[in-house]
Amino acid sequence: MSNGAIHLHKHDLPAGISFGNVVAIDTETMGLDPRRDRLCLVQLSAGDGDAHLVQIIPPALGGKGADCPNLKALLTDPVVTKLFHFARFDIAALYNGLGVITAPVICTKIASKLVRTYTDRHGLKDLCRDLIGIEISKQQQTSDWGAPELTQEQLSYAASDVLHLHLIWEKLEALLRRESRLDLALECYKFLPSRALLDLLGYEEPDLFSH
């Protein structure tokens, strides 16, 4: 496998593929409401410069929908940590689309908010620029991810969302340790699947933890 390759898989991951102990994952959906907007793409990377993109196509459009046993086995594997940026949304989207709870997880957005309190910029684009000196484009963010054939620009954009997460987490984990907040971050991550399920039930507002 050549370094820096983007691999598009229809319906499911190939059998036997391994991403190591930590796999970076992102999703693309038809919109920003995981209860309404269908899951279209799941991006994965082992942090080696390669990206694997799984296109989820509903049966009505000739696909297999949630019939992706290899992908679901990875998402639920207790010995493989799933590394996200804004895991709260992705866990909800994956549950709504595939019917599985993704765990265990790490979220770089939560890590950034816990230790980068000197800024209010915690987006992936900001973390790439500030922590590892890489500029990524968000131009394709609002494109049609439900199209049966995705463009090369869409594939490149989708891949960029997972290619840098391992290095970003390495930087953030060091900051969490420095500020004695790693244990707190890990407890937040344990709660994230429950937070995502609360979102799917409509509990974004009112916040259960507010007065």
N, C-alpha and C. Protein backbone atom coordinates (compact mmCIF):
# COMPACT_ATOMS: atom_id res chain seq x y z
N MET A 1 0.85 -1.20 0.00
CA MET A 1 0.00 0.00 0.00
C MET A 1 0.89 1.25 0.00
N SER A 2 0.67 2.11 -0.93
CA SER A 2 1.51 3.30 -1.04
C SER A 2 1.12 4.34 -0.01
N ASN A 3 2.11 5.07 0.47
CA ASN A 3 1.85 6.09 1.48
C ASN A 3 1.08 7.25 0.87
N GLY A 4 0.10 7.75 1.60
CA GLY A 4 -0.66 8.89 1.13
C GLY A 4 -1.79 8.53 0.20
N ALA A 5 -2.18 7.26 0.15
CA ALA A 5 -3.24 6.83 -0.75
C ALA A 5 -4.61 7.00 -0.10
N ILE A 6 -5.61 7.23 -0.96
CA ILE A 6 -7.00 7.29 -0.53
C ILE A 6 -7.71 6.08 -1.13
N HIS A 7 -8.29 5.24 -0.27
CA HIS A 7 -8.94 4.02 -0.71
C HIS A 7 -10.44 4.16 -0.49
N LEU A 8 -11.23 4.09 -1.56
CA LEU A 8 -12.68 4.18 -1.45
C LEU A 8 -13.27 2.78 -1.49
N HIS A 9 -14.06 2.46 -0.48
CA HIS A 9 -14.72 1.15 -0.41
C HIS A 9 -16.23 1.37 -0.42
N LYS A 10 -16.91 0.67 -1.28
CA LYS A 10 -18.37 0.72 -1.31
C LYS A 10 -18.93 -0.26 -0.28
N HIS A 11 -19.80 0.20 0.57
CA HIS A 11 -20.62 -0.60 1.49
C HIS A 11 -19.91 -1.04 2.78
N ASP A 12 -18.63 -1.43 2.73
CA ASP A 12 -17.99 -1.95 3.94
C ASP A 12 -16.48 -1.92 3.78
N LEU A 13 -15.77 -2.04 4.91
CA LEU A 13 -14.32 -2.22 4.87
C LEU A 13 -13.99 -3.61 4.34
N PRO A 14 -12.85 -3.78 3.69
CA PRO A 14 -12.42 -5.11 3.29
C PRO A 14 -12.13 -5.97 4.52
N ALA A 15 -12.31 -7.25 4.40
CA ALA A 15 -12.01 -8.16 5.50
C ALA A 15 -10.50 -8.17 5.77
N GLY A 16 -10.14 -8.25 7.05
CA GLY A 16 -8.74 -8.43 7.40
C GLY A 16 -7.93 -7.16 7.53
N ILE A 17 -8.53 -6.00 7.25
CA ILE A 17 -7.78 -4.75 7.34
C ILE A 17 -7.59 -4.38 8.81
N SER A 18 -6.41 -3.84 9.16
CA SER A 18 -6.11 -3.47 10.54
C SER A 18 -5.66 -2.01 10.60
N PHE A 19 -6.12 -1.31 11.63
CA PHE A 19 -5.73 0.09 11.83
C PHE A 19 -4.92 0.27 13.11
N GLY A 20 -4.50 -0.83 13.72
CA GLY A 20 -3.73 -0.73 14.95
C GLY A 20 -4.61 -0.48 16.16
N ASN A 21 -4.00 0.02 17.23
CA ASN A 21 -4.71 0.22 18.49
C ASN A 21 -5.55 1.49 18.53
N VAL A 22 -5.22 2.46 17.67
CA VAL A 22 -5.96 3.73 17.62
C VAL A 22 -6.26 4.06 16.16
N VAL A 23 -7.54 4.21 15.84
CA VAL A 23 -7.94 4.54 14.47
C VAL A 23 -8.66 5.89 14.48
N ALA A 24 -8.23 6.79 13.61
CA ALA A 24 -8.90 8.08 13.45
C ALA A 24 -10.13 7.89 12.57
N ILE A 25 -11.26 8.46 12.99
CA ILE A 25 -12.51 8.28 12.26
C ILE A 25 -13.25 9.61 12.15
N ASP A 26 -13.91 9.80 11.02
CA ASP A 26 -14.79 10.95 10.81
C ASP A 26 -15.97 10.47 9.99
N THR A 27 -17.02 11.26 9.93
CA THR A 27 -18.18 10.91 9.12
C THR A 27 -18.60 12.10 8.27
N GLU A 28 -19.26 11.80 7.18
CA GLU A 28 -19.94 12.81 6.37
C GLU A 28 -21.40 12.40 6.29
N THR A 29 -22.29 13.36 6.50
CA THR A 29 -23.72 13.10 6.48
C THR A 29 -24.41 14.10 5.56
N MET A 30 -25.72 13.93 5.39
CA MET A 30 -26.47 14.84 4.54
C MET A 30 -26.72 16.20 5.20
N GLY A 31 -26.41 16.31 6.48
CA GLY A 31 -26.62 17.56 7.19
C GLY A 31 -26.11 17.45 8.60
N LEU A 32 -26.51 18.37 9.47
CA LEU A 32 -25.96 18.46 10.82
C LEU A 32 -26.91 17.96 11.90
N ASP A 33 -28.00 17.29 11.50
CA ASP A 33 -28.91 16.70 12.47
C ASP A 33 -28.85 15.18 12.33
N PRO A 34 -28.16 14.48 13.24
CA PRO A 34 -27.99 13.04 13.08
C PRO A 34 -29.29 12.25 13.16
N ARG A 35 -30.35 12.86 13.68
CA ARG A 35 -31.65 12.18 13.71
C ARG A 35 -32.31 12.20 12.33
N ARG A 36 -32.00 13.20 11.57
CA ARG A 36 -32.66 13.41 10.27
C ARG A 36 -31.78 13.05 9.09
N ASP A 37 -30.51 13.40 9.17
CA ASP A 37 -29.63 13.38 8.00
C ASP A 37 -28.82 12.09 7.93
N ARG A 38 -28.97 11.38 6.84
CA ARG A 38 -28.38 10.04 6.76
C ARG A 38 -26.86 10.06 6.67
N LEU A 39 -26.29 8.99 7.18
CA LEU A 39 -24.86 8.76 7.12
C LEU A 39 -24.47 8.38 5.71
N CYS A 40 -23.46 9.07 5.16
CA CYS A 40 -23.06 8.83 3.76
C CYS A 40 -21.66 8.25 3.63
N LEU A 41 -20.75 8.66 4.51
CA LEU A 41 -19.36 8.28 4.36
C LEU A 41 -18.72 8.14 5.73
N VAL A 42 -17.87 7.14 5.90
CA VAL A 42 -17.08 6.97 7.12
C VAL A 42 -15.62 6.92 6.71
N GLN A 43 -14.81 7.85 7.24
CA GLN A 43 -13.40 7.92 6.90
C GLN A 43 -12.56 7.37 8.05
N LEU A 44 -11.51 6.62 7.71
CA LEU A 44 -10.67 6.00 8.73
C LEU A 44 -9.20 6.10 8.33
N SER A 45 -8.33 6.25 9.33
CA SER A 45 -6.89 6.27 9.09
C SER A 45 -6.16 5.71 10.30
N ALA A 46 -5.09 4.97 10.03
CA ALA A 46 -4.24 4.46 11.10
C ALA A 46 -3.17 5.47 11.49
N GLY A 47 -3.18 6.64 10.85
CA GLY A 47 -2.17 7.65 11.13
C GLY A 47 -0.91 7.45 10.30
N ASP A 48 -0.99 6.64 9.26
CA ASP A 48 0.16 6.31 8.42
C ASP A 48 0.17 7.08 7.10
N GLY A 49 -0.72 8.06 6.97
CA GLY A 49 -0.79 8.82 5.73
C GLY A 49 -1.83 8.30 4.75
N ASP A 50 -2.35 7.10 4.98
CA ASP A 50 -3.39 6.52 4.13
C ASP A 50 -4.76 6.76 4.74
N ALA A 51 -5.78 6.87 3.90
CA ALA A 51 -7.15 7.02 4.36
C ALA A 51 -8.03 5.99 3.66
N HIS A 52 -8.91 5.38 4.44
CA HIS A 52 -9.89 4.44 3.90
C HIS A 52 -11.27 5.05 4.07
N LEU A 53 -12.01 5.18 2.99
CA LEU A 53 -13.33 5.81 2.98
C LEU A 53 -14.37 4.76 2.64
N VAL A 54 -15.35 4.60 3.53
CA VAL A 54 -16.42 3.63 3.31
C VAL A 54 -17.69 4.40 2.96
N GLN A 55 -18.18 4.19 1.74
CA GLN A 55 -19.40 4.86 1.31
C GLN A 55 -20.61 4.01 1.70
N ILE A 56 -21.49 4.59 2.51
CA ILE A 56 -22.70 3.90 2.97
C ILE A 56 -23.85 4.30 2.05
N ILE A 57 -24.35 3.33 1.28
CA ILE A 57 -25.39 3.59 0.28
C ILE A 57 -26.66 2.86 0.70
N PRO A 58 -27.79 3.55 0.83
CA PRO A 58 -29.02 2.89 1.27
C PRO A 58 -29.55 1.90 0.24
N PRO A 59 -30.27 0.87 0.68
CA PRO A 59 -30.82 -0.12 -0.25
C PRO A 59 -31.67 0.49 -1.36
N ALA A 60 -32.38 1.58 -1.03
CA ALA A 60 -33.23 2.22 -2.04
C ALA A 60 -32.42 2.76 -3.22
N LEU A 61 -31.12 3.00 -3.00
CA LEU A 61 -30.25 3.50 -4.06
C LEU A 61 -29.29 2.41 -4.56
N GLY A 62 -29.62 1.15 -4.24
CA GLY A 62 -28.83 0.04 -4.74
C GLY A 62 -27.69 -0.39 -3.84
N GLY A 63 -27.65 0.13 -2.61
CA GLY A 63 -26.57 -0.22 -1.69
C GLY A 63 -27.00 -1.24 -0.65
N LYS A 64 -26.18 -1.36 0.39
CA LYS A 64 -26.43 -2.34 1.45
C LYS A 64 -26.77 -1.68 2.78
N GLY A 65 -26.82 -0.36 2.81
CA GLY A 65 -27.20 0.34 4.02
C GLY A 65 -26.32 -0.01 5.20
N ALA A 66 -26.94 -0.44 6.30
CA ALA A 66 -26.23 -0.74 7.53
C ALA A 66 -25.60 -2.14 7.53
N ASP A 67 -25.67 -2.84 6.42
CA ASP A 67 -25.07 -4.18 6.33
C ASP A 67 -23.58 -4.05 6.03
N CYS A 68 -22.80 -3.71 7.06
CA CYS A 68 -21.36 -3.52 6.91
C CYS A 68 -20.66 -4.14 8.12
N PRO A 69 -20.63 -5.45 8.21
CA PRO A 69 -20.16 -6.13 9.42
C PRO A 69 -18.70 -5.82 9.78
N ASN A 70 -17.84 -5.63 8.81
CA ASN A 70 -16.43 -5.36 9.11
C ASN A 70 -16.26 -3.99 9.76
N LEU A 71 -16.96 -2.99 9.23
CA LEU A 71 -16.90 -1.65 9.79
C LEU A 71 -17.48 -1.64 11.19
N LYS A 72 -18.62 -2.28 11.38
CA LYS A 72 -19.28 -2.28 12.69
C LYS A 72 -18.45 -3.03 13.73
N ALA A 73 -17.76 -4.07 13.30
CA ALA A 73 -16.90 -4.80 14.24
C ALA A 73 -15.77 -3.91 14.73
N LEU A 74 -15.22 -3.08 13.85
CA LEU A 74 -14.16 -2.15 14.25
C LEU A 74 -14.69 -1.08 15.20
N LEU A 75 -15.85 -0.52 14.87
CA LEU A 75 -16.42 0.54 15.70
C LEU A 75 -16.70 0.08 17.12
N THR A 76 -17.02 -1.19 17.29
CA THR A 76 -17.39 -1.71 18.61
C THR A 76 -16.27 -2.51 19.27
N ASP A 77 -15.13 -2.62 18.62
CA ASP A 77 -14.02 -3.40 19.16
C ASP A 77 -13.50 -2.74 20.44
N PRO A 78 -13.56 -3.43 21.59
CA PRO A 78 -13.17 -2.79 22.85
C PRO A 78 -11.67 -2.54 22.99
N VAL A 79 -10.85 -3.15 22.14
CA VAL A 79 -9.40 -2.96 22.27
C VAL A 79 -8.86 -1.96 21.25
N VAL A 80 -9.72 -1.40 20.42
CA VAL A 80 -9.30 -0.38 19.46
C VAL A 80 -9.96 0.94 19.83
N THR A 81 -9.15 1.95 20.13
CA THR A 81 -9.67 3.27 20.48
C THR A 81 -9.97 4.05 19.21
N LYS A 82 -11.16 4.64 19.16
CA LYS A 82 -11.59 5.43 18.02
C LYS A 82 -11.35 6.91 18.31
N LEU A 83 -10.57 7.54 17.45
CA LEU A 83 -10.12 8.92 17.65
C LEU A 83 -10.91 9.85 16.73
N PHE A 84 -11.65 10.77 17.32
CA PHE A 84 -12.52 11.68 16.57
C PHE A 84 -12.15 13.14 16.86
N HIS A 85 -12.65 14.02 15.99
CA HIS A 85 -12.76 15.43 16.33
C HIS A 85 -14.26 15.73 16.36
N PHE A 86 -14.76 16.12 17.51
CA PHE A 86 -16.20 16.27 17.80
C PHE A 86 -16.91 14.92 17.73
N ALA A 87 -16.48 14.03 18.61
CA ALA A 87 -17.01 12.67 18.66
C ALA A 87 -18.51 12.64 18.95
N ARG A 88 -19.00 13.62 19.69
CA ARG A 88 -20.42 13.65 20.06
C ARG A 88 -21.31 13.52 18.83
N PHE A 89 -21.00 14.24 17.78
CA PHE A 89 -21.81 14.17 16.56
C PHE A 89 -21.59 12.85 15.83
N ASP A 90 -20.34 12.45 15.67
CA ASP A 90 -20.04 11.26 14.88
C ASP A 90 -20.61 10.00 15.52
N ILE A 91 -20.52 9.88 16.84
CA ILE A 91 -21.08 8.71 17.52
C ILE A 91 -22.58 8.64 17.28
N ALA A 92 -23.27 9.78 17.35
CA ALA A 92 -24.71 9.82 17.10
C ALA A 92 -25.03 9.44 15.66
N ALA A 93 -24.26 9.98 14.72
CA ALA A 93 -24.49 9.68 13.31
C ALA A 93 -24.26 8.20 13.01
N LEU A 94 -23.22 7.63 13.62
CA LEU A 94 -22.92 6.21 13.40
C LEU A 94 -23.99 5.32 14.03
N TYR A 95 -24.48 5.72 15.19
CA TYR A 95 -25.54 4.92 15.83
C TYR A 95 -26.83 4.99 15.02
N ASN A 96 -27.19 6.20 14.58
CA ASN A 96 -28.42 6.36 13.82
C ASN A 96 -28.32 5.65 12.47
N GLY A 97 -27.13 5.66 11.86
CA GLY A 97 -26.97 5.06 10.54
C GLY A 97 -26.71 3.57 10.55
N LEU A 98 -25.97 3.10 11.58
CA LEU A 98 -25.53 1.69 11.57
C LEU A 98 -26.06 0.89 12.75
N GLY A 99 -26.60 1.57 13.77
CA GLY A 99 -27.20 0.86 14.89
C GLY A 99 -26.20 0.32 15.89
N VAL A 100 -24.98 0.87 15.94
CA VAL A 100 -23.98 0.40 16.90
C VAL A 100 -23.44 1.58 17.71
N ILE A 101 -23.04 1.27 18.95
CA ILE A 101 -22.42 2.27 19.82
C ILE A 101 -20.91 2.20 19.61
N THR A 102 -20.32 3.30 19.16
CA THR A 102 -18.88 3.36 18.94
C THR A 102 -18.17 3.63 20.26
N ALA A 103 -17.25 2.75 20.62
CA ALA A 103 -16.50 2.88 21.88
C ALA A 103 -15.32 1.91 21.84
N PRO A 104 -14.27 2.22 22.63
CA PRO A 104 -13.98 3.44 23.37
C PRO A 104 -13.55 4.56 22.42
N VAL A 105 -13.65 5.81 22.88
CA VAL A 105 -13.40 6.95 22.01
C VAL A 105 -12.50 7.99 22.67
N ILE A 106 -11.89 8.80 21.81
CA ILE A 106 -11.13 10.00 22.19
C ILE A 106 -11.65 11.13 21.32
N CYS A 107 -11.75 12.33 21.87
CA CYS A 107 -12.23 13.48 21.10
C CYS A 107 -11.24 14.64 21.22
N THR A 108 -10.68 15.08 20.11
CA THR A 108 -9.70 16.16 20.13
C THR A 108 -10.35 17.51 20.43
N LYS A 109 -11.63 17.68 20.09
CA LYS A 109 -12.30 18.95 20.39
C LYS A 109 -12.44 19.14 21.90
N ILE A 110 -12.84 18.08 22.60
CA ILE A 110 -12.95 18.17 24.06
C ILE A 110 -11.58 18.41 24.67
N ALA A 111 -10.56 17.71 24.18
CA ALA A 111 -9.20 17.91 24.68
C ALA A 111 -8.77 19.36 24.50
N SER A 112 -9.05 19.92 23.33
CA SER A 112 -8.67 21.30 23.05
C SER A 112 -9.37 22.27 24.00
N LYS A 113 -10.66 22.04 24.24
CA LYS A 113 -11.41 22.93 25.14
C LYS A 113 -10.94 22.83 26.58
N LEU A 114 -10.41 21.65 26.96
CA LEU A 114 -9.93 21.47 28.33
C LEU A 114 -8.60 22.17 28.59
N VAL A 115 -7.73 22.23 27.55
CA VAL A 115 -6.39 22.76 27.81
C VAL A 115 -6.04 24.02 27.00
N ARG A 116 -6.71 24.27 25.89
CA ARG A 116 -6.41 25.47 25.11
C ARG A 116 -7.42 26.56 25.50
N THR A 117 -7.45 26.87 26.79
CA THR A 117 -8.43 27.83 27.32
C THR A 117 -8.06 29.27 26.97
N TYR A 118 -6.93 29.45 26.32
CA TYR A 118 -6.50 30.79 25.90
C TYR A 118 -7.11 31.17 24.55
N THR A 119 -7.93 30.29 23.96
CA THR A 119 -8.55 30.57 22.67
C THR A 119 -9.95 29.99 22.63
N ASP A 120 -10.79 30.54 21.75
CA ASP A 120 -12.11 29.95 21.54
C ASP A 120 -12.17 29.24 20.19
N ARG A 121 -11.02 29.00 19.59
CA ARG A 121 -10.94 28.34 18.28
C ARG A 121 -10.54 26.88 18.47
N HIS A 122 -11.52 26.00 18.37
CA HIS A 122 -11.27 24.58 18.62
C HIS A 122 -11.68 23.70 17.44
N GLY A 123 -11.88 24.31 16.27
CA GLY A 123 -12.22 23.53 15.08
C GLY A 123 -11.02 22.74 14.59
N LEU A 124 -11.27 21.74 13.76
CA LEU A 124 -10.18 20.92 13.24
C LEU A 124 -9.20 21.75 12.43
N LYS A 125 -9.71 22.68 11.65
CA LYS A 125 -8.84 23.56 10.86
C LYS A 125 -7.91 24.36 11.78
N ASP A 126 -8.44 24.83 12.92
CA ASP A 126 -7.64 25.60 13.88
C ASP A 126 -6.57 24.71 14.53
N LEU A 127 -6.95 23.50 14.91
CA LEU A 127 -5.99 22.60 15.55
C LEU A 127 -4.88 22.20 14.59
N CYS A 128 -5.24 21.95 13.33
CA CYS A 128 -4.21 21.60 12.34
C CYS A 128 -3.21 22.75 12.18
N ARG A 129 -3.71 23.96 12.11
CA ARG A 129 -2.83 25.11 11.93
C ARG A 129 -2.01 25.40 13.19
N ASP A 130 -2.67 25.44 14.35
CA ASP A 130 -2.01 25.88 15.57
C ASP A 130 -1.07 24.83 16.17
N LEU A 131 -1.43 23.55 16.05
CA LEU A 131 -0.66 22.51 16.73
C LEU A 131 0.37 21.82 15.84
N ILE A 132 0.05 21.67 14.54
CA ILE A 132 0.98 20.93 13.68
C ILE A 132 1.39 21.70 12.42
N GLY A 133 0.94 22.96 12.31
CA GLY A 133 1.38 23.81 11.21
C GLY A 133 0.92 23.39 9.84
N ILE A 134 -0.28 22.79 9.76
CA ILE A 134 -0.83 22.34 8.48
C ILE A 134 -2.14 23.07 8.21
N GLU A 135 -2.28 23.60 7.02
CA GLU A 135 -3.51 24.25 6.60
C GLU A 135 -4.38 23.25 5.83
N ILE A 136 -5.62 23.08 6.26
CA ILE A 136 -6.54 22.22 5.53
C ILE A 136 -7.71 23.05 5.02
N SER A 137 -8.28 22.61 3.91
CA SER A 137 -9.39 23.34 3.29
C SER A 137 -10.72 22.77 3.76
N LYS A 138 -11.69 23.63 4.00
CA LYS A 138 -13.05 23.21 4.35
C LYS A 138 -14.04 23.50 3.22
N GLN A 139 -13.53 23.65 2.01
CA GLN A 139 -14.36 24.08 0.89
C GLN A 139 -15.47 23.07 0.55
N GLN A 140 -15.18 21.76 0.71
CA GLN A 140 -16.16 20.74 0.33
C GLN A 140 -17.10 20.36 1.47
N GLN A 141 -17.01 21.07 2.60
CA GLN A 141 -17.76 20.68 3.78
C GLN A 141 -19.26 20.63 3.53
N THR A 142 -19.76 21.53 2.71
CA THR A 142 -21.20 21.62 2.49
C THR A 142 -21.62 21.02 1.15
N SER A 143 -20.81 20.12 0.59
CA SER A 143 -21.18 19.51 -0.68
C SER A 143 -22.16 18.35 -0.45
N ASP A 144 -22.68 17.77 -1.53
CA ASP A 144 -23.68 16.71 -1.46
C ASP A 144 -22.99 15.36 -1.24
N TRP A 145 -22.96 14.91 0.01
CA TRP A 145 -22.29 13.65 0.33
C TRP A 145 -23.17 12.44 0.01
N GLY A 146 -24.43 12.67 -0.32
CA GLY A 146 -25.31 11.56 -0.67
C GLY A 146 -25.29 11.20 -2.13
N ALA A 147 -24.48 11.89 -2.93
CA ALA A 147 -24.38 11.57 -4.35
C ALA A 147 -23.84 10.15 -4.54
N PRO A 148 -24.35 9.42 -5.55
CA PRO A 148 -23.89 8.04 -5.75
C PRO A 148 -22.41 7.96 -6.13
N GLU A 149 -21.89 8.98 -6.80
CA GLU A 149 -20.47 9.02 -7.15
C GLU A 149 -19.87 10.30 -6.58
N LEU A 150 -18.89 10.14 -5.71
CA LEU A 150 -18.25 11.29 -5.09
C LEU A 150 -17.09 11.79 -5.95
N THR A 151 -16.87 13.10 -5.94
CA THR A 151 -15.80 13.69 -6.75
C THR A 151 -14.45 13.48 -6.07
N GLN A 152 -13.39 13.65 -6.83
CA GLN A 152 -12.05 13.54 -6.26
C GLN A 152 -11.82 14.61 -5.20
N GLU A 153 -12.42 15.78 -5.41
CA GLU A 153 -12.30 16.86 -4.42
C GLU A 153 -12.97 16.46 -3.10
N GLN A 154 -14.13 15.82 -3.19
CA GLN A 154 -14.81 15.35 -1.99
C GLN A 154 -13.97 14.30 -1.26
N LEU A 155 -13.41 13.36 -2.00
CA LEU A 155 -12.61 12.30 -1.40
C LEU A 155 -11.38 12.87 -0.70
N SER A 156 -10.73 13.83 -1.35
CA SER A 156 -9.54 14.44 -0.76
C SER A 156 -9.89 15.21 0.50
N TYR A 157 -11.01 15.93 0.47
CA TYR A 157 -11.46 16.67 1.65
C TYR A 157 -11.78 15.71 2.79
N ALA A 158 -12.52 14.66 2.48
CA ALA A 158 -12.92 13.69 3.51
C ALA A 158 -11.70 13.04 4.14
N ALA A 159 -10.71 12.71 3.32
CA ALA A 159 -9.50 12.08 3.83
C ALA A 159 -8.73 13.02 4.76
N SER A 160 -8.72 14.31 4.43
CA SER A 160 -7.93 15.27 5.21
C SER A 160 -8.45 15.37 6.64
N ASP A 161 -9.71 15.01 6.86
CA ASP A 161 -10.29 15.11 8.20
C ASP A 161 -9.78 14.04 9.16
N VAL A 162 -9.15 12.99 8.64
CA VAL A 162 -8.65 11.94 9.54
C VAL A 162 -7.12 11.77 9.49
N LEU A 163 -6.49 12.31 8.48
CA LEU A 163 -5.06 12.06 8.28
C LEU A 163 -4.18 12.67 9.37
N HIS A 164 -4.65 13.74 10.03
CA HIS A 164 -3.81 14.46 10.97
C HIS A 164 -4.21 14.25 12.44
N LEU A 165 -5.26 13.47 12.69
CA LEU A 165 -5.79 13.38 14.05
C LEU A 165 -4.82 12.71 15.03
N HIS A 166 -4.06 11.73 14.57
CA HIS A 166 -3.11 11.08 15.47
C HIS A 166 -2.07 12.07 16.00
N LEU A 167 -1.53 12.88 15.10
CA LEU A 167 -0.51 13.85 15.50
C LEU A 167 -1.12 14.93 16.39
N ILE A 168 -2.33 15.36 16.07
CA ILE A 168 -3.00 16.37 16.90
C ILE A 168 -3.25 15.82 18.30
N TRP A 169 -3.70 14.58 18.39
CA TRP A 169 -3.94 13.98 19.70
C TRP A 169 -2.64 13.87 20.49
N GLU A 170 -1.56 13.54 19.82
CA GLU A 170 -0.26 13.46 20.50
C GLU A 170 0.09 14.79 21.17
N LYS A 171 -0.15 15.89 20.45
CA LYS A 171 0.13 17.22 21.01
C LYS A 171 -0.82 17.55 22.15
N LEU A 172 -2.11 17.23 21.97
CA LEU A 172 -3.09 17.55 22.99
C LEU A 172 -2.92 16.68 24.24
N GLU A 173 -2.58 15.42 24.05
CA GLU A 173 -2.36 14.54 25.20
C GLU A 173 -1.21 15.07 26.06
N ALA A 174 -0.17 15.56 25.41
CA ALA A 174 0.95 16.13 26.15
C ALA A 174 0.51 17.35 26.96
N LEU A 175 -0.35 18.19 26.37
CA LEU A 175 -0.86 19.36 27.09
C LEU A 175 -1.76 18.95 28.25
N LEU A 176 -2.59 17.92 28.03
CA LEU A 176 -3.46 17.44 29.10
C LEU A 176 -2.64 16.92 30.28
N ARG A 177 -1.57 16.21 29.97
CA ARG A 177 -0.70 15.72 31.05
C ARG A 177 -0.03 16.89 31.76
N ARG A 178 0.44 17.86 30.99
CA ARG A 178 1.12 19.02 31.57
C ARG A 178 0.22 19.78 32.54
N GLU A 179 -1.06 19.89 32.18
CA GLU A 179 -2.00 20.66 32.99
C GLU A 179 -2.80 19.79 33.96
N SER A 180 -2.40 18.50 34.08
CA SER A 180 -3.05 17.56 35.01
C SER A 180 -4.55 17.42 34.75
N ARG A 181 -4.91 17.34 33.46
CA ARG A 181 -6.32 17.20 33.10
C ARG A 181 -6.59 15.97 32.23
N LEU A 182 -5.60 15.09 32.09
CA LEU A 182 -5.80 13.90 31.25
C LEU A 182 -6.86 12.99 31.84
N ASP A 183 -6.82 12.75 33.15
CA ASP A 183 -7.81 11.87 33.77
C ASP A 183 -9.22 12.43 33.59
N LEU A 184 -9.37 13.74 33.69
CA LEU A 184 -10.68 14.36 33.48
C LEU A 184 -11.14 14.16 32.04
N ALA A 185 -10.22 14.32 31.08
CA ALA A 185 -10.56 14.12 29.67
C ALA A 185 -11.03 12.68 29.44
N LEU A 186 -10.34 11.72 30.02
CA LEU A 186 -10.70 10.32 29.83
C LEU A 186 -12.07 10.01 30.39
N GLU A 187 -12.43 10.64 31.50
CA GLU A 187 -13.78 10.45 32.05
C GLU A 187 -14.83 11.07 31.13
N CYS A 188 -14.52 12.20 30.53
CA CYS A 188 -15.43 12.81 29.55
C CYS A 188 -15.66 11.87 28.37
N TYR A 189 -14.59 11.22 27.92
CA TYR A 189 -14.69 10.34 26.76
C TYR A 189 -15.56 9.12 27.06
N LYS A 190 -15.50 8.63 28.29
CA LYS A 190 -16.35 7.49 28.65
C LYS A 190 -17.83 7.84 28.55
N PHE A 191 -18.13 9.11 28.82
CA PHE A 191 -19.53 9.56 28.82
C PHE A 191 -20.05 9.88 27.41
N LEU A 192 -19.17 10.07 26.46
CA LEU A 192 -19.58 10.55 25.13
C LEU A 192 -20.64 9.68 24.45
N PRO A 193 -20.52 8.34 24.47
CA PRO A 193 -21.61 7.56 23.85
C PRO A 193 -22.98 7.85 24.46
N SER A 194 -23.03 8.02 25.78
CA SER A 194 -24.31 8.36 26.43
C SER A 194 -24.77 9.75 26.02
N ARG A 195 -23.82 10.69 25.90
CA ARG A 195 -24.17 12.05 25.47
C ARG A 195 -24.77 12.02 24.06
N ALA A 196 -24.21 11.19 23.19
CA ALA A 196 -24.72 11.08 21.82
C ALA A 196 -26.13 10.50 21.80
N LEU A 197 -26.38 9.51 22.65
CA LEU A 197 -27.72 8.93 22.72
C LEU A 197 -28.73 9.95 23.25
N LEU A 198 -28.31 10.77 24.21
CA LEU A 198 -29.19 11.83 24.71
C LEU A 198 -29.52 12.81 23.58
N ASP A 199 -28.53 13.12 22.75
CA ASP A 199 -28.78 14.01 21.60
C ASP A 199 -29.84 13.41 20.68
N LEU A 200 -29.72 12.11 20.40
CA LEU A 200 -30.67 11.46 19.50
C LEU A 200 -32.09 11.44 20.08
N LEU A 201 -32.20 11.53 21.41
CA LEU A 201 -33.51 11.61 22.07
C LEU A 201 -34.03 13.05 22.15
N GLY A 202 -33.22 14.00 21.67
CA GLY A 202 -33.66 15.39 21.68
C GLY A 202 -33.25 16.18 22.90
N TYR A 203 -32.25 15.68 23.66
CA TYR A 203 -31.85 16.34 24.90
C TYR A 203 -30.67 17.29 24.74
N GLU A 204 -30.48 17.85 23.53
CA GLU A 204 -29.49 18.93 23.43
C GLU A 204 -29.95 20.09 24.33
N GLU A 205 -31.22 20.40 24.24
CA GLU A 205 -31.86 21.39 25.10
C GLU A 205 -33.21 20.83 25.53
N PRO A 206 -33.57 20.84 26.81
CA PRO A 206 -32.74 21.38 27.91
C PRO A 206 -31.58 20.46 28.25
N ASP A 207 -30.48 21.06 28.65
CA ASP A 207 -29.33 20.33 29.12
C ASP A 207 -29.67 19.68 30.47
N LEU A 208 -29.53 18.36 30.55
CA LEU A 208 -29.89 17.66 31.78
C LEU A 208 -29.08 18.11 32.99
N PHE A 209 -27.89 18.69 32.73
CA PHE A 209 -27.02 19.06 33.83
C PHE A 209 -27.18 20.53 34.24
N SER A 210 -28.04 21.25 33.54
CA SER A 210 -28.27 22.65 33.91
C SER A 210 -29.27 22.74 35.04
N HIS A 211 -29.42 23.92 35.61
CA HIS A 211 -30.32 24.13 36.75
C HIS A 211 -31.75 23.91 36.32
